[in-house]
Amino acid sequence: MFLWADLVDLIRRPFTSLRVIDDRRRLRDGLLALALSVTLPAVTSELAALGPFRPPANPGSLPSLTAQGADIYARWVYQHRFLLPVYGVLISAILWVAAAGLIHLIARTLGGHGDYRGYLKLAGFAALVGLVSLPLSLLDAWLKLQGNAQAELAIGQLLGVLGLGVFLWQNALLVFAARTHYGVSTERAIVAVIGPLGAVAVLAVALVVLAVILAIIAQQAPGS
């Protein structure tokens, strides 16, 4: 399938690959790439959800209130473990589409000449790069099913480092895609990408904080 060939090219020669994608691929190809990038990790999360409950590691080293909140949140996540990946698919897809729209508006304001459909296509392929962590995610899911807590912790830490690297690489691709598609300078492309990136980051943190608060309220409500 050409999507996998594009994924390999985005890793081996990203800048040349983005130009080829911009010229030869269609919007539906980019939307398919985006769909795969958000659904396949959700499938691995559903597999991992079949594993047993894992309490937070080393709760005794935390302040009592923090440890209680961590335990409540962990139990809430476990109770909703099959629904959360579904919500994650919807939220991730919306954030990618919204971020592409914001980048488009900023790039056009800065003198760019590309269209939104073309940039959304490129953003879908940038999202596809996230699948490089899929083999490690599958291994993590298998370890959760086996109940191997020690190996699971090590793989989870490795996934965190890899996730950060993928995040930075995806944003570098978005910058180059904006520069190529809209015909703006690198500086203006960075400005176009950094603004929406900050907005999405703030929204993501707010959603996590809200989830923790709702989990604590939900656990404490029956006893109140």
Protein backbone atom coordinates (compact mmCIF):
# COMPACT_ATOMS: atom_id res chain seq x y z
CA MET A 1 0.00 0.00 0.00
CA PHE A 2 1.38 3.41 -0.97
CA LEU A 3 0.73 4.88 2.49
CA TRP A 4 3.37 2.64 4.03
CA ALA A 5 5.82 3.59 1.28
CA ASP A 6 5.09 7.26 2.03
CA LEU A 7 5.64 6.62 5.73
CA VAL A 8 9.06 5.13 5.04
CA ASP A 9 9.93 8.05 2.75
CA LEU A 10 8.82 10.56 5.40
CA ILE A 11 11.39 8.99 7.73
CA ARG A 12 14.21 8.52 5.20
CA ARG A 13 13.86 11.73 3.16
CA PRO A 14 11.06 13.81 4.70
CA PHE A 15 11.42 17.06 2.80
CA THR A 16 11.50 15.46 -0.64
CA SER A 17 8.65 13.16 0.36
CA LEU A 18 6.43 16.06 1.43
CA ARG A 19 6.91 17.74 -1.94
CA VAL A 20 5.93 14.53 -3.72
CA ILE A 21 2.88 14.10 -1.47
CA ASP A 22 1.82 17.70 -2.06
CA ASP A 23 2.03 17.20 -5.83
CA ARG A 24 0.72 13.66 -6.27
CA ARG A 25 -1.54 12.65 -3.40
CA ARG A 26 -5.18 13.59 -3.04
CA LEU A 27 -7.13 14.85 -0.04
CA ARG A 28 -8.71 11.47 0.55
CA ASP A 29 -5.21 9.95 0.82
CA GLY A 30 -4.32 12.43 3.57
CA LEU A 31 -7.60 11.76 5.38
CA LEU A 32 -6.94 8.02 5.21
CA ALA A 33 -3.45 8.59 6.63
CA LEU A 34 -4.95 10.66 9.45
CA ALA A 35 -7.58 8.01 10.15
CA LEU A 36 -4.96 5.28 10.41
CA SER A 37 -2.74 7.42 12.62
CA VAL A 38 -5.48 7.84 15.24
CA THR A 39 -7.27 4.46 15.01
CA LEU A 40 -4.38 1.98 15.04
CA PRO A 41 -2.97 3.25 18.38
CA ALA A 42 -6.52 3.06 19.75
CA VAL A 43 -6.66 -0.61 18.75
CA THR A 44 -3.50 -1.32 20.75
CA SER A 45 -5.02 0.53 23.71
CA GLU A 46 -8.11 -1.67 23.49
CA LEU A 47 -5.87 -4.74 23.56
CA ALA A 48 -3.98 -3.39 26.57
CA ALA A 49 -7.32 -2.77 28.31
CA LEU A 50 -7.82 -6.54 28.56
CA GLY A 51 -5.02 -6.67 31.11
CA PRO A 52 -5.50 -6.57 34.91
CA PHE A 53 -5.72 -3.39 36.97
CA ARG A 54 -2.39 -1.79 37.89
CA PRO A 55 -2.31 0.57 40.91
CA PRO A 56 -0.03 3.63 40.71
CA ALA A 57 3.64 2.82 41.24
CA ASN A 58 5.22 3.85 44.59
CA PRO A 59 2.18 5.69 46.03
CA GLY A 60 3.87 5.74 49.45
CA SER A 61 6.45 8.23 48.20
CA LEU A 62 3.74 10.76 47.36
CA PRO A 63 1.86 13.14 49.70
CA SER A 64 -1.32 11.50 50.98
CA LEU A 65 -3.69 13.74 48.99
CA THR A 66 -1.66 13.29 45.80
CA ALA A 67 -1.49 9.52 46.31
CA GLN A 68 -5.26 9.38 46.86
CA GLY A 69 -5.88 11.40 43.70
CA ALA A 70 -3.50 9.19 41.70
CA ASP A 71 -5.25 6.03 42.92
CA ILE A 72 -8.72 7.42 42.17
CA TYR A 73 -7.63 8.52 38.71
CA ALA A 74 -6.04 5.13 37.98
CA ARG A 75 -9.23 3.33 38.99
CA TRP A 76 -11.37 5.71 36.92
CA VAL A 77 -9.15 5.12 33.88
CA TYR A 78 -9.41 1.36 34.40
CA GLN A 79 -13.20 1.50 34.69
CA HIS A 80 -13.44 3.42 31.41
CA ARG A 81 -10.50 1.73 29.68
CA PHE A 82 -12.53 0.52 26.70
CA LEU A 83 -14.25 3.86 26.08
CA LEU A 84 -11.22 6.12 26.48
CA PRO A 85 -9.51 4.96 23.25
CA VAL A 86 -12.72 5.71 21.34
CA TYR A 87 -12.83 9.21 22.81
CA GLY A 88 -9.14 9.53 22.01
CA VAL A 89 -9.77 8.78 18.33
CA LEU A 90 -12.45 11.46 18.10
CA ILE A 91 -10.48 14.08 20.05
CA SER A 92 -7.24 13.42 18.15
CA ALA A 93 -8.94 13.64 14.77
CA ILE A 94 -10.70 16.89 15.72
CA LEU A 95 -7.47 18.42 17.05
CA TRP A 96 -5.54 17.56 13.86
CA VAL A 97 -8.26 19.02 11.62
CA ALA A 98 -8.60 22.11 13.81
CA ALA A 99 -4.82 22.63 14.00
CA ALA A 100 -4.56 22.38 10.20
CA GLY A 101 -7.31 24.98 9.90
CA LEU A 102 -5.60 27.39 12.30
CA ILE A 103 -2.26 26.95 10.56
CA HIS A 104 -3.98 27.63 7.23
CA LEU A 105 -5.53 30.86 8.50
CA ILE A 106 -2.26 32.11 9.98
CA ALA A 107 -0.23 31.14 6.91
CA ARG A 108 -2.67 32.94 4.62
CA THR A 109 -2.60 35.98 6.89
CA LEU A 110 1.20 35.97 6.60
CA GLY A 111 1.02 36.06 2.81
CA GLY A 112 0.72 32.37 1.92
CA HIS A 113 -1.09 31.21 -1.21
CA GLY A 114 -1.99 27.55 -0.55
CA ASP A 115 -5.43 26.08 0.12
CA TYR A 116 -6.77 24.36 3.24
CA ARG A 117 -7.52 21.05 1.52
CA GLY A 118 -3.94 20.69 0.39
CA TYR A 119 -2.51 21.47 3.80
CA LEU A 120 -4.96 19.14 5.56
CA LYS A 121 -3.69 16.40 3.26
CA LEU A 122 -0.09 17.11 4.29
CA ALA A 123 -1.09 17.25 7.97
CA GLY A 124 -2.64 13.80 7.62
CA PHE A 125 0.66 12.42 6.39
CA ALA A 126 2.53 14.20 9.19
CA ALA A 127 0.19 12.46 11.64
CA LEU A 128 0.99 9.14 9.95
CA VAL A 129 4.57 9.38 11.25
CA GLY A 130 3.19 8.63 14.71
CA LEU A 131 2.79 5.00 13.66
CA VAL A 132 6.54 4.43 14.04
CA SER A 133 5.81 3.81 17.73
CA LEU A 134 3.12 1.22 16.95
CA PRO A 135 5.39 -1.88 17.29
CA LEU A 136 6.49 -0.68 20.73
CA SER A 137 2.86 0.02 21.68
CA LEU A 138 1.94 -3.54 20.68
CA LEU A 139 4.75 -4.86 22.88
CA ASP A 140 3.50 -2.69 25.74
CA ALA A 141 -0.04 -4.05 25.27
CA TRP A 142 1.26 -7.62 25.32
CA LEU A 143 3.20 -6.97 28.54
CA LYS A 144 0.05 -5.55 30.13
CA LEU A 145 -1.83 -8.71 29.21
CA GLN A 146 0.97 -10.80 30.71
CA GLY A 147 1.03 -8.72 33.89
CA ASN A 148 4.78 -8.11 33.60
CA ALA A 149 4.91 -4.87 35.59
CA GLN A 150 8.69 -4.41 35.56
CA ALA A 151 9.10 -4.81 31.79
CA GLU A 152 5.93 -2.79 31.24
CA LEU A 153 7.40 0.12 33.19
CA ALA A 154 10.59 0.09 31.12
CA ILE A 155 8.69 -0.07 27.82
CA GLY A 156 6.33 2.67 29.02
CA GLN A 157 9.29 4.97 29.72
CA LEU A 158 10.75 4.18 26.31
CA LEU A 159 7.38 4.92 24.72
CA GLY A 160 7.34 8.29 26.47
CA VAL A 161 10.74 9.23 25.06
CA LEU A 162 9.79 7.98 21.60
CA GLY A 163 6.46 9.83 21.79
CA LEU A 164 8.25 13.09 22.52
CA GLY A 165 10.57 12.53 19.57
CA VAL A 166 7.65 11.74 17.26
CA PHE A 167 5.80 14.84 18.48
CA LEU A 168 8.76 17.08 17.68
CA TRP A 169 9.29 15.41 14.30
CA GLN A 170 5.62 15.80 13.36
CA ASN A 171 5.76 19.50 14.13
CA ALA A 172 8.94 19.89 12.09
CA LEU A 173 7.06 18.25 9.21
CA LEU A 174 4.14 20.64 9.71
CA VAL A 175 6.52 23.59 9.52
CA PHE A 176 8.12 22.36 6.31
CA ALA A 177 4.70 21.48 4.88
CA ALA A 178 3.49 25.02 5.58
CA ARG A 179 6.60 26.49 3.98
CA THR A 180 6.25 24.30 0.90
CA HIS A 181 2.48 24.46 0.45
CA TYR A 182 1.95 28.16 1.18
CA GLY A 183 5.22 29.45 -0.27
CA VAL A 184 6.22 31.36 2.86
CA SER A 185 9.58 31.69 4.58
CA THR A 186 10.70 29.23 7.25
CA GLU A 187 10.24 31.90 9.92
CA ARG A 188 6.64 32.54 8.90
CA ALA A 189 5.94 28.82 8.68
CA ILE A 190 7.22 28.40 12.25
CA VAL A 191 4.96 31.21 13.44
CA ALA A 192 1.99 29.61 11.66
CA VAL A 193 2.60 26.25 13.36
CA ILE A 194 3.67 27.38 16.85
CA GLY A 195 0.45 29.33 17.53
CA PRO A 196 -1.97 26.42 16.98
CA LEU A 197 0.49 24.07 18.68
CA GLY A 198 0.35 26.17 21.84
CA ALA A 199 -3.44 26.31 21.71
CA VAL A 200 -3.70 22.54 21.28
CA ALA A 201 -1.21 21.94 24.11
CA VAL A 202 -3.17 24.17 26.49
CA LEU A 203 -6.42 22.43 25.50
CA ALA A 204 -4.87 18.99 26.04
CA VAL A 205 -3.60 19.93 29.51
CA ALA A 206 -7.00 21.39 30.39
CA LEU A 207 -8.72 18.17 29.31
CA VAL A 208 -6.37 16.05 31.44
CA VAL A 209 -6.91 18.27 34.50
CA LEU A 210 -10.69 18.15 33.94
CA ALA A 211 -10.58 14.36 33.66
CA VAL A 212 -8.71 14.08 36.97
CA ILE A 213 -11.17 16.40 38.71
CA LEU A 214 -14.19 14.54 37.34
CA ALA A 215 -12.66 11.21 38.36
CA ILE A 216 -12.14 12.40 41.95
CA ILE A 217 -15.67 13.82 42.13
CA ALA A 218 -17.16 10.63 40.72
CA GLN A 219 -15.35 8.49 43.30
CA GLN A 220 -16.23 10.70 46.25
CA ALA A 221 -19.88 11.32 45.33
CA PRO A 222 -21.35 8.01 46.67
CA GLY A 223 -19.90 8.60 50.12
CA SER A 224 -20.98 12.24 50.36
